[in-house]
N, C-alpha and C. Protein backbone atom coordinates (compact mmCIF):
# COMPACT_ATOMS: atom_id res chain seq x y z
N ARG A 1 0.84 -1.18 0.00
CA ARG A 1 0.00 0.00 0.00
C ARG A 1 0.89 1.25 0.00
N VAL A 2 0.51 2.20 -0.81
CA VAL A 2 1.27 3.44 -0.93
C VAL A 2 0.72 4.46 0.05
N PRO A 3 1.54 4.97 0.95
CA PRO A 3 1.07 6.02 1.85
C PRO A 3 0.63 7.25 1.07
N CYS A 4 -0.41 7.92 1.53
CA CYS A 4 -0.93 9.06 0.77
C CYS A 4 -1.49 10.14 1.68
N PHE A 5 -1.69 11.30 1.08
CA PHE A 5 -2.36 12.42 1.72
C PHE A 5 -3.79 12.48 1.19
N ILE A 6 -4.69 12.98 1.99
CA ILE A 6 -6.04 13.27 1.53
C ILE A 6 -6.09 14.76 1.19
N GLN A 7 -6.44 15.06 -0.05
CA GLN A 7 -6.58 16.46 -0.46
C GLN A 7 -7.93 16.99 0.02
N VAL A 8 -7.89 18.14 0.69
CA VAL A 8 -9.10 18.76 1.21
C VAL A 8 -9.33 20.07 0.45
N ASP A 9 -10.54 20.26 -0.01
CA ASP A 9 -10.92 21.47 -0.74
C ASP A 9 -11.23 22.57 0.26
N VAL A 10 -10.19 23.15 0.84
CA VAL A 10 -10.35 24.15 1.90
C VAL A 10 -10.98 25.44 1.40
N GLY A 11 -10.87 25.72 0.11
CA GLY A 11 -11.44 26.94 -0.45
C GLY A 11 -12.82 26.75 -1.03
N GLU A 12 -13.33 25.54 -0.96
CA GLU A 12 -14.65 25.20 -1.51
C GLU A 12 -14.79 25.71 -2.94
N GLU A 13 -13.80 25.34 -3.77
CA GLU A 13 -13.78 25.76 -5.17
C GLU A 13 -14.22 24.61 -6.07
N GLU A 14 -15.19 24.86 -6.92
CA GLU A 14 -15.71 23.82 -7.80
C GLU A 14 -14.66 23.26 -8.74
N GLN A 15 -13.72 24.10 -9.20
CA GLN A 15 -12.75 23.67 -10.20
C GLN A 15 -11.60 22.84 -9.60
N LYS A 16 -11.53 22.77 -8.28
CA LYS A 16 -10.45 22.01 -7.65
C LYS A 16 -10.95 20.68 -7.14
N GLY A 17 -10.05 19.73 -7.16
CA GLY A 17 -10.35 18.43 -6.60
C GLY A 17 -10.20 18.46 -5.09
N GLY A 18 -10.49 17.35 -4.50
CA GLY A 18 -10.33 17.24 -3.06
C GLY A 18 -11.64 16.97 -2.38
N CYS A 19 -11.52 16.57 -1.17
CA CYS A 19 -12.65 16.20 -0.33
C CYS A 19 -13.26 17.46 0.28
N ALA A 20 -14.57 17.53 0.28
CA ALA A 20 -15.24 18.61 1.00
C ALA A 20 -14.96 18.45 2.50
N ILE A 21 -14.84 19.55 3.19
CA ILE A 21 -14.54 19.50 4.62
C ILE A 21 -15.55 18.64 5.36
N ALA A 22 -16.82 18.77 5.03
CA ALA A 22 -17.87 18.01 5.72
C ALA A 22 -17.75 16.51 5.47
N ASP A 23 -17.14 16.12 4.36
CA ASP A 23 -17.00 14.70 4.02
C ASP A 23 -15.71 14.07 4.54
N LEU A 24 -14.84 14.87 5.13
CA LEU A 24 -13.53 14.38 5.55
C LEU A 24 -13.60 13.22 6.55
N PRO A 25 -14.40 13.27 7.60
CA PRO A 25 -14.43 12.14 8.54
C PRO A 25 -14.79 10.82 7.86
N ASP A 26 -15.77 10.85 6.96
CA ASP A 26 -16.16 9.62 6.26
C ASP A 26 -15.04 9.11 5.36
N LEU A 27 -14.36 10.01 4.64
CA LEU A 27 -13.28 9.57 3.76
C LEU A 27 -12.12 8.99 4.56
N ILE A 28 -11.80 9.59 5.69
CA ILE A 28 -10.75 9.05 6.56
C ILE A 28 -11.14 7.65 7.02
N ALA A 29 -12.38 7.49 7.44
CA ALA A 29 -12.85 6.17 7.90
C ALA A 29 -12.77 5.15 6.78
N GLN A 30 -13.15 5.53 5.56
CA GLN A 30 -13.08 4.62 4.42
C GLN A 30 -11.64 4.23 4.12
N ALA A 31 -10.73 5.18 4.19
CA ALA A 31 -9.31 4.88 3.94
C ALA A 31 -8.78 3.91 4.99
N ARG A 32 -9.14 4.13 6.23
CA ARG A 32 -8.68 3.24 7.29
C ARG A 32 -9.27 1.84 7.13
N GLU A 33 -10.54 1.76 6.76
CA GLU A 33 -11.18 0.46 6.54
C GLU A 33 -10.52 -0.29 5.38
N ALA A 34 -10.05 0.46 4.39
CA ALA A 34 -9.40 -0.14 3.23
C ALA A 34 -7.90 -0.37 3.48
N ASP A 35 -7.45 -0.08 4.70
CA ASP A 35 -6.05 -0.24 5.08
C ASP A 35 -5.11 0.60 4.21
N ILE A 36 -5.54 1.80 3.86
CA ILE A 36 -4.70 2.74 3.11
C ILE A 36 -3.95 3.58 4.14
N PRO A 37 -2.63 3.54 4.12
CA PRO A 37 -1.87 4.32 5.10
C PRO A 37 -1.95 5.81 4.77
N LEU A 38 -2.41 6.59 5.74
CA LEU A 38 -2.54 8.03 5.55
C LEU A 38 -1.35 8.76 6.14
N LEU A 39 -0.73 9.62 5.33
CA LEU A 39 0.36 10.46 5.79
C LEU A 39 -0.15 11.75 6.41
N GLY A 40 -1.36 12.16 6.01
CA GLY A 40 -1.92 13.40 6.52
C GLY A 40 -2.85 14.03 5.51
N LEU A 41 -2.90 15.37 5.56
CA LEU A 41 -3.81 16.12 4.70
C LEU A 41 -3.02 17.07 3.80
N MET A 42 -3.61 17.40 2.67
CA MET A 42 -3.00 18.37 1.76
C MET A 42 -4.05 19.33 1.25
N CYS A 43 -3.61 20.51 0.81
CA CYS A 43 -4.54 21.47 0.22
C CYS A 43 -3.80 22.39 -0.73
N ILE A 44 -4.60 23.00 -1.60
CA ILE A 44 -4.14 24.08 -2.46
C ILE A 44 -5.16 25.20 -2.27
N PRO A 45 -4.76 26.29 -1.60
CA PRO A 45 -5.73 27.36 -1.33
C PRO A 45 -6.10 28.11 -2.61
N PRO A 46 -7.17 28.90 -2.56
CA PRO A 46 -7.53 29.71 -3.72
C PRO A 46 -6.37 30.62 -4.13
N ALA A 47 -6.15 30.73 -5.43
CA ALA A 47 -5.01 31.51 -5.93
C ALA A 47 -5.14 33.00 -5.66
N ASP A 48 -6.35 33.50 -5.57
CA ASP A 48 -6.56 34.94 -5.45
C ASP A 48 -6.81 35.42 -4.02
N LYS A 49 -6.51 34.56 -3.04
CA LYS A 49 -6.73 34.93 -1.64
C LYS A 49 -5.48 34.66 -0.82
N GLU A 50 -5.38 35.34 0.31
CA GLU A 50 -4.29 35.11 1.26
C GLU A 50 -4.35 33.65 1.71
N PRO A 51 -3.23 32.90 1.58
CA PRO A 51 -3.28 31.47 1.88
C PRO A 51 -3.26 31.12 3.37
N ALA A 52 -2.79 32.01 4.23
CA ALA A 52 -2.60 31.67 5.64
C ALA A 52 -3.86 31.11 6.31
N PRO A 53 -5.04 31.71 6.14
CA PRO A 53 -6.22 31.14 6.81
C PRO A 53 -6.54 29.72 6.33
N PHE A 54 -6.27 29.43 5.08
CA PHE A 54 -6.54 28.10 4.55
C PHE A 54 -5.54 27.08 5.08
N PHE A 55 -4.27 27.50 5.21
CA PHE A 55 -3.27 26.61 5.79
C PHE A 55 -3.59 26.34 7.26
N ALA A 56 -4.01 27.39 7.98
CA ALA A 56 -4.38 27.21 9.39
C ALA A 56 -5.58 26.27 9.53
N LEU A 57 -6.54 26.40 8.63
CA LEU A 57 -7.71 25.52 8.65
C LEU A 57 -7.29 24.08 8.43
N LEU A 58 -6.40 23.83 7.48
CA LEU A 58 -5.94 22.46 7.24
C LEU A 58 -5.24 21.90 8.47
N GLY A 59 -4.43 22.72 9.13
CA GLY A 59 -3.77 22.28 10.35
C GLY A 59 -4.77 21.90 11.43
N GLU A 60 -5.82 22.68 11.57
CA GLU A 60 -6.86 22.38 12.56
C GLU A 60 -7.59 21.09 12.21
N LEU A 61 -7.89 20.90 10.92
CA LEU A 61 -8.54 19.66 10.49
C LEU A 61 -7.66 18.45 10.79
N ALA A 62 -6.37 18.59 10.57
CA ALA A 62 -5.45 17.48 10.86
C ALA A 62 -5.44 17.17 12.34
N ARG A 63 -5.35 18.20 13.17
CA ARG A 63 -5.34 17.98 14.63
C ARG A 63 -6.63 17.29 15.08
N ARG A 64 -7.73 17.65 14.47
CA ARG A 64 -9.03 17.08 14.84
C ARG A 64 -9.16 15.61 14.45
N HIS A 65 -8.50 15.21 13.36
CA HIS A 65 -8.75 13.89 12.80
C HIS A 65 -7.57 12.92 12.84
N GLU A 66 -6.37 13.40 13.17
CA GLU A 66 -5.22 12.49 13.15
C GLU A 66 -5.34 11.45 14.25
N PRO A 67 -4.75 10.28 14.04
CA PRO A 67 -4.90 9.19 15.01
C PRO A 67 -4.27 9.48 16.36
N GLU A 68 -3.22 10.28 16.36
CA GLU A 68 -2.57 10.70 17.61
C GLU A 68 -1.88 12.03 17.35
N PRO A 69 -1.69 12.86 18.36
CA PRO A 69 -1.11 14.18 18.14
C PRO A 69 0.24 14.12 17.42
N GLY A 70 0.36 14.92 16.38
CA GLY A 70 1.61 14.99 15.62
C GLY A 70 1.87 13.85 14.67
N ALA A 71 0.88 12.97 14.49
CA ALA A 71 1.09 11.79 13.65
C ALA A 71 1.04 12.11 12.16
N TRP A 72 0.33 13.15 11.78
CA TRP A 72 0.13 13.44 10.37
C TRP A 72 0.97 14.60 9.88
N GLY A 73 1.32 14.53 8.61
CA GLY A 73 1.98 15.62 7.95
C GLY A 73 0.96 16.53 7.28
N LEU A 74 1.44 17.69 6.87
CA LEU A 74 0.62 18.65 6.15
C LEU A 74 1.32 19.00 4.85
N SER A 75 0.71 18.65 3.73
CA SER A 75 1.26 19.00 2.43
C SER A 75 0.53 20.25 1.95
N MET A 76 1.20 21.37 2.08
CA MET A 76 0.59 22.64 1.68
C MET A 76 1.69 23.63 1.38
N GLY A 77 1.42 24.49 0.45
CA GLY A 77 2.39 25.49 0.06
C GLY A 77 3.05 25.14 -1.26
N MET A 78 3.14 26.16 -2.11
CA MET A 78 3.80 26.01 -3.41
C MET A 78 4.85 27.10 -3.53
N SER A 79 5.43 27.25 -4.68
CA SER A 79 6.55 28.18 -4.86
C SER A 79 6.26 29.59 -4.35
N GLY A 80 5.04 30.08 -4.53
CA GLY A 80 4.72 31.44 -4.15
C GLY A 80 4.32 31.64 -2.70
N ASP A 81 4.04 30.55 -1.98
CA ASP A 81 3.55 30.72 -0.60
C ASP A 81 4.12 29.71 0.39
N TYR A 82 5.21 29.04 0.00
CA TYR A 82 5.74 27.98 0.86
C TYR A 82 6.23 28.50 2.21
N GLU A 83 6.74 29.74 2.26
CA GLU A 83 7.22 30.26 3.54
C GLU A 83 6.07 30.38 4.54
N THR A 84 4.93 30.87 4.08
CA THR A 84 3.75 30.96 4.94
C THR A 84 3.32 29.57 5.38
N ALA A 85 3.33 28.63 4.42
CA ALA A 85 2.93 27.26 4.74
C ALA A 85 3.83 26.65 5.81
N ILE A 86 5.12 26.86 5.69
CA ILE A 86 6.06 26.31 6.68
C ILE A 86 5.81 26.94 8.05
N MET A 87 5.56 28.25 8.09
CA MET A 87 5.26 28.91 9.36
C MET A 87 4.01 28.32 10.02
N LEU A 88 3.10 27.80 9.20
CA LEU A 88 1.85 27.27 9.72
C LEU A 88 1.83 25.75 9.80
N GLY A 89 3.01 25.13 9.73
CA GLY A 89 3.11 23.70 10.02
C GLY A 89 3.31 22.75 8.86
N ALA A 90 3.53 23.26 7.64
CA ALA A 90 3.74 22.36 6.51
C ALA A 90 4.92 21.43 6.76
N THR A 91 4.72 20.17 6.42
CA THR A 91 5.81 19.20 6.47
C THR A 91 6.26 18.82 5.07
N HIS A 92 5.42 19.11 4.07
CA HIS A 92 5.73 18.84 2.67
C HIS A 92 5.28 20.06 1.86
N ILE A 93 6.12 20.52 0.94
CA ILE A 93 5.78 21.64 0.08
C ILE A 93 6.02 21.26 -1.37
N ARG A 94 5.41 22.01 -2.28
CA ARG A 94 5.57 21.77 -3.72
C ARG A 94 6.16 23.04 -4.33
N VAL A 95 7.36 22.95 -4.81
CA VAL A 95 8.05 24.14 -5.34
C VAL A 95 8.52 23.91 -6.77
N GLY A 96 7.72 23.26 -7.57
CA GLY A 96 8.09 22.94 -8.94
C GLY A 96 8.44 24.14 -9.80
N SER A 97 7.61 25.20 -9.78
CA SER A 97 7.90 26.34 -10.66
C SER A 97 9.12 27.11 -10.19
N ALA A 98 9.43 27.08 -8.89
CA ALA A 98 10.66 27.73 -8.40
C ALA A 98 11.89 26.99 -8.90
N LEU A 99 11.77 25.68 -9.10
CA LEU A 99 12.90 24.88 -9.57
C LEU A 99 12.98 24.80 -11.08
N PHE A 100 11.81 24.66 -11.73
CA PHE A 100 11.78 24.35 -13.17
C PHE A 100 11.21 25.46 -14.03
N GLY A 101 10.70 26.55 -13.42
CA GLY A 101 10.08 27.63 -14.16
C GLY A 101 8.61 27.40 -14.33
N ALA A 102 7.96 28.41 -14.87
CA ALA A 102 6.51 28.35 -15.08
C ALA A 102 6.17 27.29 -16.13
N ARG A 103 4.97 26.76 -16.02
CA ARG A 103 4.50 25.78 -17.01
C ARG A 103 4.33 26.47 -18.34
N GLY A 104 4.57 25.70 -19.39
CA GLY A 104 4.51 26.27 -20.74
C GLY A 104 3.25 26.18 -21.42
């Protein structure tokens, strides 16, 4: 089994994938029943808004649902906002455009 993160749609955006916040407990339960190892939660906040409140929300959701305190990672933050994400508890960041440039 491949360990994974559950993507949460913290910005409630139709165009983005991820689990609705209200559906998160059920999805976590289904993953556990299927013996899928969970590393934690991930999110991509809305591009046109300050990301800090969304990162803080993801951290709170992780604390509420993780099996034990500090057990889960947080995958949040990209090239433009990774510093904020790290300040708010990110354990994994995505910095592809900082390394490879903008998509073509």
